[in-house]
């Protein structure tokens, strides 16, 4: 089943269909907030039209004291709402998953970081990527990996 995974961010949303079809939705940080949402929706709509996934897996946002701010969670929730509405309007199934839950499927020992996820996919699939430019894509990739693995069980 064709799946699109999204690591939603206010500046650079990583997206992943497969290793040849993935990328970043770049949002200019200087834009007014509502214009960012409009641009995000427009760019995501292009991806949904092109790849026509049946399932959209998105990183769920949550707040834990001492790990980020409630303000960031509120803003990310708005981007997530745009993505959810757009996918649902196209009759696509939407699945939310925390980064922690997705990373656990890699079965590493201890706490798994963004860097660990990047190193795993970059080396396992010989991507030749660099962390700064591609870590948002590997964050989306691990969401898809986790979803697909959960469907196979």
N, C-alpha and C. Protein backbone atom coordinates (compact mmCIF):
# COMPACT_ATOMS: atom_id res chain seq x y z
N UNK A 1 0.85 -1.17 0.00
CA UNK A 1 0.00 0.00 0.00
C UNK A 1 0.89 1.24 0.00
N UNK A 2 0.67 2.14 -0.94
CA UNK A 2 1.52 3.33 -1.04
C UNK A 2 1.30 4.24 0.16
N UNK A 3 2.42 4.61 0.78
CA UNK A 3 2.40 5.40 2.00
C UNK A 3 3.28 6.63 1.86
N UNK A 4 2.80 7.75 2.33
CA UNK A 4 3.59 8.97 2.43
C UNK A 4 3.79 9.25 3.91
N UNK A 5 5.03 9.46 4.30
CA UNK A 5 5.32 9.82 5.69
C UNK A 5 5.78 11.26 5.76
N UNK A 6 5.37 11.96 6.81
CA UNK A 6 5.70 13.38 6.98
C UNK A 6 6.30 13.63 8.36
N UNK A 7 7.47 14.25 8.36
CA UNK A 7 8.07 14.77 9.60
C UNK A 7 7.81 16.27 9.56
N UNK A 8 6.69 16.68 10.13
CA UNK A 8 6.22 18.06 9.98
C UNK A 8 7.04 19.03 10.82
N UNK A 9 7.39 20.14 10.18
CA UNK A 9 8.14 21.21 10.82
C UNK A 9 7.65 22.54 10.25
N UNK A 10 7.88 23.61 10.98
CA UNK A 10 7.47 24.93 10.50
C UNK A 10 8.38 25.46 9.40
N UNK A 11 9.59 24.89 9.29
CA UNK A 11 10.57 25.37 8.30
C UNK A 11 10.88 24.35 7.22
N UNK A 12 11.05 23.09 7.61
CA UNK A 12 11.44 22.07 6.63
C UNK A 12 10.79 20.73 6.99
N UNK A 13 9.72 20.44 6.30
CA UNK A 13 9.01 19.18 6.52
C UNK A 13 9.60 18.10 5.64
N UNK A 14 10.12 17.05 6.28
CA UNK A 14 10.63 15.92 5.52
C UNK A 14 9.48 15.05 5.07
N UNK A 15 9.56 14.57 3.82
CA UNK A 15 8.53 13.65 3.33
C UNK A 15 9.20 12.47 2.65
N UNK A 16 8.53 11.32 2.71
CA UNK A 16 9.13 10.09 2.20
C UNK A 16 8.05 9.16 1.65
N UNK A 17 8.22 8.78 0.38
CA UNK A 17 7.40 7.75 -0.25
C UNK A 17 8.26 6.50 -0.40
N UNK A 18 9.43 6.69 -1.02
CA UNK A 18 10.45 5.64 -1.11
C UNK A 18 11.78 6.35 -1.31
N UNK A 19 12.88 5.59 -1.37
CA UNK A 19 14.18 6.27 -1.36
C UNK A 19 14.46 7.08 -2.62
N UNK A 20 13.72 6.86 -3.69
CA UNK A 20 13.87 7.69 -4.89
C UNK A 20 12.88 8.85 -4.91
N UNK A 21 11.87 8.78 -4.08
CA UNK A 21 10.80 9.79 -4.06
C UNK A 21 10.61 10.30 -2.64
N UNK A 22 11.39 11.31 -2.33
CA UNK A 22 11.39 11.90 -1.00
C UNK A 22 11.95 13.31 -1.11
N UNK A 23 11.78 14.09 -0.08
CA UNK A 23 12.31 15.45 -0.14
C UNK A 23 11.91 16.27 1.07
N UNK A 24 12.01 17.57 0.87
CA UNK A 24 11.75 18.55 1.93
C UNK A 24 10.78 19.59 1.40
N UNK A 25 9.78 19.93 2.20
CA UNK A 25 8.95 21.10 1.93
C UNK A 25 9.58 22.24 2.71
N UNK A 26 10.19 23.18 1.99
CA UNK A 26 10.86 24.32 2.62
C UNK A 26 9.87 25.47 2.78
N UNK A 27 9.86 26.04 3.96
CA UNK A 27 9.00 27.19 4.25
C UNK A 27 9.91 28.33 4.73
N UNK A 28 9.83 29.46 4.05
CA UNK A 28 10.63 30.63 4.42
C UNK A 28 10.23 31.10 5.81
N UNK A 29 11.21 31.14 6.73
CA UNK A 29 10.88 31.52 8.10
C UNK A 29 10.45 32.97 8.23
N UNK A 30 10.69 33.80 7.22
CA UNK A 30 10.29 35.20 7.26
C UNK A 30 8.83 35.44 6.91
N UNK A 31 8.14 34.42 6.43
CA UNK A 31 6.74 34.58 6.05
C UNK A 31 5.84 34.74 7.28
N UNK A 32 4.76 35.47 7.10
CA UNK A 32 3.72 35.57 8.12
C UNK A 32 3.16 34.16 8.36
N UNK A 33 2.76 33.87 9.59
CA UNK A 33 2.35 32.51 9.97
C UNK A 33 1.26 31.94 9.06
N UNK A 34 0.21 32.69 8.80
CA UNK A 34 -0.88 32.16 7.98
C UNK A 34 -0.41 31.87 6.55
N UNK A 35 0.53 32.67 6.06
CA UNK A 35 1.08 32.42 4.72
C UNK A 35 1.92 31.14 4.70
N UNK A 36 2.58 30.85 5.82
CA UNK A 36 3.32 29.60 5.94
C UNK A 36 2.37 28.41 5.81
N UNK A 37 1.22 28.50 6.48
CA UNK A 37 0.25 27.42 6.41
C UNK A 37 -0.28 27.23 4.99
N UNK A 38 -0.56 28.34 4.31
CA UNK A 38 -1.06 28.28 2.93
C UNK A 38 -0.01 27.65 2.02
N UNK A 39 1.24 28.08 2.16
CA UNK A 39 2.32 27.52 1.33
C UNK A 39 2.52 26.03 1.63
N UNK A 40 2.50 25.67 2.91
CA UNK A 40 2.64 24.27 3.30
C UNK A 40 1.54 23.42 2.65
N UNK A 41 0.31 23.90 2.72
CA UNK A 41 -0.82 23.16 2.12
C UNK A 41 -0.63 23.01 0.62
N UNK A 42 -0.22 24.08 -0.04
CA UNK A 42 -0.02 24.06 -1.49
C UNK A 42 1.05 23.03 -1.88
N UNK A 43 2.18 23.05 -1.19
CA UNK A 43 3.28 22.13 -1.50
C UNK A 43 2.90 20.68 -1.17
N UNK A 44 2.23 20.47 -0.05
CA UNK A 44 1.80 19.12 0.31
C UNK A 44 0.78 18.61 -0.70
N UNK A 45 -0.11 19.46 -1.15
CA UNK A 45 -1.11 19.07 -2.13
C UNK A 45 -0.44 18.56 -3.41
N UNK A 46 0.64 19.22 -3.84
CA UNK A 46 1.38 18.77 -5.03
C UNK A 46 1.90 17.34 -4.83
N UNK A 47 2.44 17.08 -3.67
CA UNK A 47 2.99 15.75 -3.36
C UNK A 47 1.87 14.71 -3.34
N UNK A 48 0.77 15.04 -2.70
CA UNK A 48 -0.36 14.10 -2.62
C UNK A 48 -0.93 13.81 -4.01
N UNK A 49 -1.02 14.82 -4.85
CA UNK A 49 -1.53 14.62 -6.21
C UNK A 49 -0.57 13.75 -7.03
N UNK A 50 0.72 13.99 -6.87
CA UNK A 50 1.71 13.24 -7.66
C UNK A 50 1.79 11.77 -7.25
N UNK A 51 1.84 11.50 -5.95
CA UNK A 51 2.10 10.13 -5.49
C UNK A 51 0.85 9.35 -5.10
N UNK A 52 -0.25 10.04 -4.86
CA UNK A 52 -1.53 9.41 -4.53
C UNK A 52 -1.41 8.28 -3.49
N UNK A 53 -0.88 8.60 -2.32
CA UNK A 53 -0.78 7.56 -1.29
C UNK A 53 -2.16 7.17 -0.76
N UNK A 54 -2.25 5.97 -0.26
CA UNK A 54 -3.48 5.51 0.41
C UNK A 54 -3.44 5.90 1.89
N UNK A 55 -2.20 6.00 2.41
CA UNK A 55 -1.99 6.29 3.83
C UNK A 55 -0.99 7.43 3.98
N UNK A 56 -1.27 8.36 4.88
CA UNK A 56 -0.33 9.42 5.23
C UNK A 56 0.01 9.23 6.71
N UNK A 57 1.29 8.97 6.98
CA UNK A 57 1.76 8.78 8.35
C UNK A 57 2.46 10.07 8.77
N UNK A 58 2.03 10.63 9.90
CA UNK A 58 2.60 11.88 10.37
C UNK A 58 3.13 11.74 11.78
N UNK A 59 4.20 12.47 12.05
CA UNK A 59 4.70 12.50 13.42
C UNK A 59 3.70 13.23 14.29
N UNK A 60 3.28 12.57 15.35
CA UNK A 60 2.37 13.19 16.30
C UNK A 60 3.16 14.12 17.21
N UNK A 61 2.55 15.22 17.60
CA UNK A 61 3.22 16.15 18.50
C UNK A 61 2.69 15.96 19.91
N UNK A 62 3.57 16.12 20.86
CA UNK A 62 3.16 16.04 22.26
C UNK A 62 4.08 16.92 23.08
N UNK A 63 3.59 17.28 24.24
CA UNK A 63 4.38 18.14 25.13
C UNK A 63 4.80 17.36 26.35
N UNK A 64 6.07 17.48 26.66
CA UNK A 64 6.60 16.90 27.88
C UNK A 64 7.47 17.96 28.53
N UNK A 65 7.14 18.30 29.76
CA UNK A 65 7.85 19.36 30.48
C UNK A 65 9.36 19.13 30.41
N UNK A 66 10.07 20.21 30.05
CA UNK A 66 11.52 20.14 29.97
C UNK A 66 12.05 19.75 28.59
N UNK A 67 11.13 19.41 27.66
CA UNK A 67 11.53 18.99 26.31
C UNK A 67 10.79 19.83 25.28
N UNK A 68 11.20 21.08 25.10
CA UNK A 68 10.53 21.95 24.14
C UNK A 68 9.51 22.83 24.83
N UNK A 69 8.77 23.58 24.01
CA UNK A 69 7.81 24.53 24.57
C UNK A 69 6.40 24.22 24.08
N UNK A 70 5.44 24.62 24.89
CA UNK A 70 4.04 24.44 24.52
C UNK A 70 3.72 25.28 23.28
N UNK A 71 4.39 26.42 23.13
CA UNK A 71 4.19 27.27 21.95
C UNK A 71 4.54 26.49 20.67
N UNK A 72 5.65 25.78 20.68
CA UNK A 72 6.06 24.99 19.51
C UNK A 72 5.03 23.90 19.22
N UNK A 73 4.54 23.24 20.25
CA UNK A 73 3.53 22.19 20.08
C UNK A 73 2.27 22.77 19.43
N UNK A 74 1.85 23.95 19.87
CA UNK A 74 0.65 24.58 19.30
C UNK A 74 0.85 24.89 17.82
N UNK A 75 1.99 25.42 17.46
CA UNK A 75 2.26 25.76 16.06
C UNK A 75 2.34 24.49 15.20
N UNK A 76 3.07 23.49 15.67
CA UNK A 76 3.17 22.23 14.92
C UNK A 76 1.80 21.57 14.76
N UNK A 77 0.95 21.71 15.76
CA UNK A 77 -0.40 21.15 15.69
C UNK A 77 -1.21 21.79 14.57
N UNK A 78 -0.99 23.07 14.33
CA UNK A 78 -1.69 23.75 13.25
C UNK A 78 -1.23 23.21 11.89
N UNK A 79 0.07 23.00 11.72
CA UNK A 79 0.58 22.41 10.48
C UNK A 79 0.04 20.98 10.33
N UNK A 80 0.03 20.24 11.42
CA UNK A 80 -0.52 18.89 11.39
C UNK A 80 -1.99 18.87 11.03
N UNK A 81 -2.72 19.87 11.52
CA UNK A 81 -4.14 19.98 11.18
C UNK A 81 -4.36 20.23 9.70
N UNK A 82 -3.53 21.07 9.11
CA UNK A 82 -3.61 21.33 7.67
C UNK A 82 -3.36 20.03 6.91
N UNK A 83 -2.31 19.30 7.29
CA UNK A 83 -1.97 18.05 6.60
C UNK A 83 -3.08 17.01 6.78
N UNK A 84 -3.62 16.91 7.97
CA UNK A 84 -4.69 15.95 8.25
C UNK A 84 -5.93 16.25 7.42
N UNK A 85 -6.33 17.51 7.41
CA UNK A 85 -7.52 17.90 6.65
C UNK A 85 -7.32 17.64 5.16
N UNK A 86 -6.17 18.00 4.64
CA UNK A 86 -5.90 17.83 3.21
C UNK A 86 -5.93 16.35 2.83
N UNK A 87 -5.26 15.51 3.60
CA UNK A 87 -5.25 14.07 3.32
C UNK A 87 -6.66 13.48 3.44
N UNK A 88 -7.36 13.86 4.49
CA UNK A 88 -8.72 13.33 4.69
C UNK A 88 -9.66 13.76 3.57
N UNK A 89 -9.48 14.98 3.07
CA UNK A 89 -10.34 15.47 1.98
C UNK A 89 -10.12 14.67 0.70
N UNK A 90 -8.98 13.98 0.62
CA UNK A 90 -8.67 13.13 -0.54
C UNK A 90 -8.92 11.65 -0.21
N UNK A 91 -9.62 11.40 0.89
CA UNK A 91 -9.98 10.05 1.34
C UNK A 91 -8.76 9.17 1.62
N UNK A 92 -7.72 9.79 2.12
CA UNK A 92 -6.52 9.06 2.51
C UNK A 92 -6.59 8.79 4.00
N UNK A 93 -6.12 7.62 4.39
CA UNK A 93 -6.06 7.28 5.81
C UNK A 93 -4.93 8.08 6.45
N UNK A 94 -5.17 8.65 7.62
CA UNK A 94 -4.15 9.40 8.34
C UNK A 94 -3.78 8.63 9.60
N UNK A 95 -2.48 8.41 9.78
CA UNK A 95 -1.96 7.70 10.94
C UNK A 95 -1.00 8.63 11.66
N UNK A 96 -1.19 8.80 12.97
CA UNK A 96 -0.28 9.61 13.79
C UNK A 96 0.60 8.68 14.61
N UNK A 97 1.87 9.03 14.70
CA UNK A 97 2.83 8.21 15.44
C UNK A 97 3.89 9.12 16.04
N UNK A 98 4.24 8.89 17.28
CA UNK A 98 5.30 9.70 17.88
C UNK A 98 6.65 9.26 17.33
N UNK A 99 7.59 10.17 17.35
CA UNK A 99 8.95 9.85 16.90
C UNK A 99 9.54 8.74 17.76
N UNK A 100 9.27 8.78 19.05
CA UNK A 100 9.80 7.76 19.96
C UNK A 100 9.29 6.37 19.59
N UNK A 101 8.00 6.26 19.33
CA UNK A 101 7.42 4.96 18.95
C UNK A 101 8.02 4.47 17.64
N UNK A 102 8.17 5.37 16.68
CA UNK A 102 8.75 4.98 15.39
C UNK A 102 10.19 4.52 15.54
N UNK A 103 10.96 5.25 16.32
CA UNK A 103 12.38 4.92 16.49
C UNK A 103 12.58 3.58 17.19
N UNK A 104 11.66 3.21 18.06
CA UNK A 104 11.77 1.93 18.77
C UNK A 104 11.75 0.75 17.81
N UNK A 105 11.14 0.91 16.65
CA UNK A 105 11.07 -0.20 15.69
C UNK A 105 12.43 -0.54 15.09
N UNK A 106 13.41 0.35 15.26
CA UNK A 106 14.76 0.06 14.77
C UNK A 106 15.48 -0.92 15.70
N UNK A 107 14.91 -1.14 16.88
CA UNK A 107 15.42 -2.11 17.86
C UNK A 107 16.87 -1.85 18.28
N UNK A 108 17.19 -0.56 18.45
CA UNK A 108 18.50 -0.19 18.99
C UNK A 108 18.45 -0.29 20.51
N UNK A 109 19.60 -0.36 21.12
CA UNK A 109 19.69 -0.35 22.58
C UNK A 109 19.62 1.09 23.08
N UNK A 110 18.87 1.33 24.15
CA UNK A 110 18.83 2.66 24.77
C UNK A 110 18.04 3.68 23.97
N UNK A 111 18.31 4.93 24.28
CA UNK A 111 17.62 6.06 23.64
C UNK A 111 18.11 6.22 22.20
N UNK A 112 17.18 6.36 21.26
CA UNK A 112 17.52 6.51 19.85
C UNK A 112 17.34 7.97 19.46
N UNK A 113 18.38 8.59 18.91
CA UNK A 113 18.36 10.01 18.54
C UNK A 113 18.11 10.19 17.05
N UNK A 114 17.88 11.45 16.66
CA UNK A 114 17.76 11.80 15.24
C UNK A 114 19.01 11.35 14.49
N UNK A 115 20.16 11.55 15.13
CA UNK A 115 21.43 11.17 14.51
C UNK A 115 21.51 9.67 14.28
N UNK A 116 21.03 8.89 15.24
CA UNK A 116 21.01 7.43 15.10
C UNK A 116 20.14 7.01 13.92
N UNK A 117 18.97 7.63 13.81
CA UNK A 117 18.04 7.32 12.72
C UNK A 117 18.69 7.66 11.39
N UNK A 118 19.30 8.85 11.32
CA UNK A 118 19.97 9.26 10.09
C UNK A 118 21.07 8.27 9.71
N UNK A 119 21.94 7.95 10.65
CA UNK A 119 23.05 7.03 10.38
C UNK A 119 22.54 5.67 9.89
N UNK A 120 21.49 5.18 10.52
CA UNK A 120 20.95 3.88 10.14
C UNK A 120 20.50 3.87 8.68
N UNK A 121 19.61 4.78 8.31
CA UNK A 121 19.07 4.77 6.94
C UNK A 121 20.12 5.17 5.91
N UNK A 122 20.97 6.13 6.26
CA UNK A 122 22.01 6.56 5.33
C UNK A 122 22.97 5.43 5.01
N UNK A 123 23.38 4.68 6.02
CA UNK A 123 24.35 3.60 5.77
C UNK A 123 23.67 2.32 5.28
N UNK A 124 22.53 1.97 5.85
CA UNK A 124 21.83 0.73 5.47
C UNK A 124 21.43 0.73 3.99
N UNK A 125 21.08 1.90 3.48
CA UNK A 125 20.61 2.00 2.10
C UNK A 125 21.58 2.76 1.20
N UNK A 126 22.80 3.00 1.71
CA UNK A 126 23.88 3.61 0.94
C UNK A 126 23.42 4.88 0.21
N UNK A 127 22.85 5.82 0.98
CA UNK A 127 22.25 7.01 0.39
C UNK A 127 23.27 8.10 0.06
N UNK A 128 24.39 8.17 0.77
CA UNK A 128 25.36 9.23 0.50
C UNK A 128 24.87 10.61 0.91
N UNK A 129 24.01 10.67 1.89
CA UNK A 129 23.42 11.92 2.34
C UNK A 129 24.25 12.54 3.45
N UNK A 130 23.99 13.85 3.73
CA UNK A 130 24.59 14.48 4.90
C UNK A 130 23.48 14.88 5.87
N UNK A 131 23.83 14.88 7.15
CA UNK A 131 22.83 15.08 8.20
C UNK A 131 22.09 16.40 8.07
N UNK A 132 22.81 17.47 7.84
CA UNK A 132 22.18 18.79 7.82
C UNK A 132 21.08 18.90 6.76
N UNK A 133 21.31 18.34 5.59
CA UNK A 133 20.35 18.47 4.49
C UNK A 133 19.28 17.39 4.46
N UNK A 134 19.54 16.25 5.08
CA UNK A 134 18.66 15.10 4.87
C UNK A 134 18.03 14.50 6.13
N UNK A 135 18.33 15.04 7.32
CA UNK A 135 17.81 14.39 8.54
C UNK A 135 16.29 14.46 8.65
N UNK A 136 15.67 15.48 8.07
CA UNK A 136 14.20 15.54 8.11
C UNK A 136 13.59 14.43 7.24
N UNK A 137 14.29 14.06 6.18
CA UNK A 137 13.81 12.97 5.33
C UNK A 137 13.92 11.64 6.06
N UNK A 138 15.05 11.41 6.74
CA UNK A 138 15.18 10.14 7.46
C UNK A 138 14.22 10.08 8.65
N UNK A 139 13.86 11.21 9.21
CA UNK A 139 12.84 11.22 10.27
C UNK A 139 11.48 10.80 9.71
N UNK A 140 11.17 11.22 8.48
CA UNK A 140 9.94 10.76 7.83
C UNK A 140 10.06 9.28 7.47
N UNK A 141 11.24 8.88 7.00
CA UNK A 141 11.47 7.49 6.60
C UNK A 141 11.21 6.53 7.76
N UNK A 142 11.68 6.88 8.96
CA UNK A 142 11.49 5.98 10.11
C UNK A 142 10.00 5.87 10.46
N UNK A 143 9.23 6.92 10.24
CA UNK A 143 7.78 6.84 10.47
C UNK A 143 7.15 5.83 9.51
N UNK A 144 7.54 5.92 8.24
CA UNK A 144 7.01 4.97 7.27
C UNK A 144 7.46 3.54 7.59
N UNK A 145 8.72 3.39 7.92
CA UNK A 145 9.29 2.09 8.28
C UNK A 145 8.48 1.46 9.43
N UNK A 146 8.20 2.25 10.44
CA UNK A 146 7.45 1.76 11.60
C UNK A 146 6.02 1.39 11.22
N UNK A 147 5.39 2.22 10.40
CA UNK A 147 4.02 1.93 9.99
C UNK A 147 3.96 0.64 9.17
N UNK A 148 4.83 0.51 8.21
CA UNK A 148 4.85 -0.69 7.36
C UNK A 148 5.11 -1.93 8.21
N UNK A 149 6.07 -1.84 9.14
CA UNK A 149 6.35 -2.98 10.02
C UNK A 149 5.15 -3.34 10.89
N UNK A 150 4.41 -2.34 11.34
CA UNK A 150 3.23 -2.63 12.18
C UNK A 150 2.14 -3.32 11.37
N UNK A 151 2.06 -3.04 10.08
CA UNK A 151 1.06 -3.67 9.21
C UNK A 151 1.42 -5.11 8.89
N UNK A 152 2.71 -5.41 8.91
CA UNK A 152 3.18 -6.75 8.57
C UNK A 152 3.05 -7.73 9.73
N UNK A 153 2.84 -7.22 10.93
CA UNK A 153 2.75 -8.10 12.11
C UNK A 153 1.36 -8.67 12.29
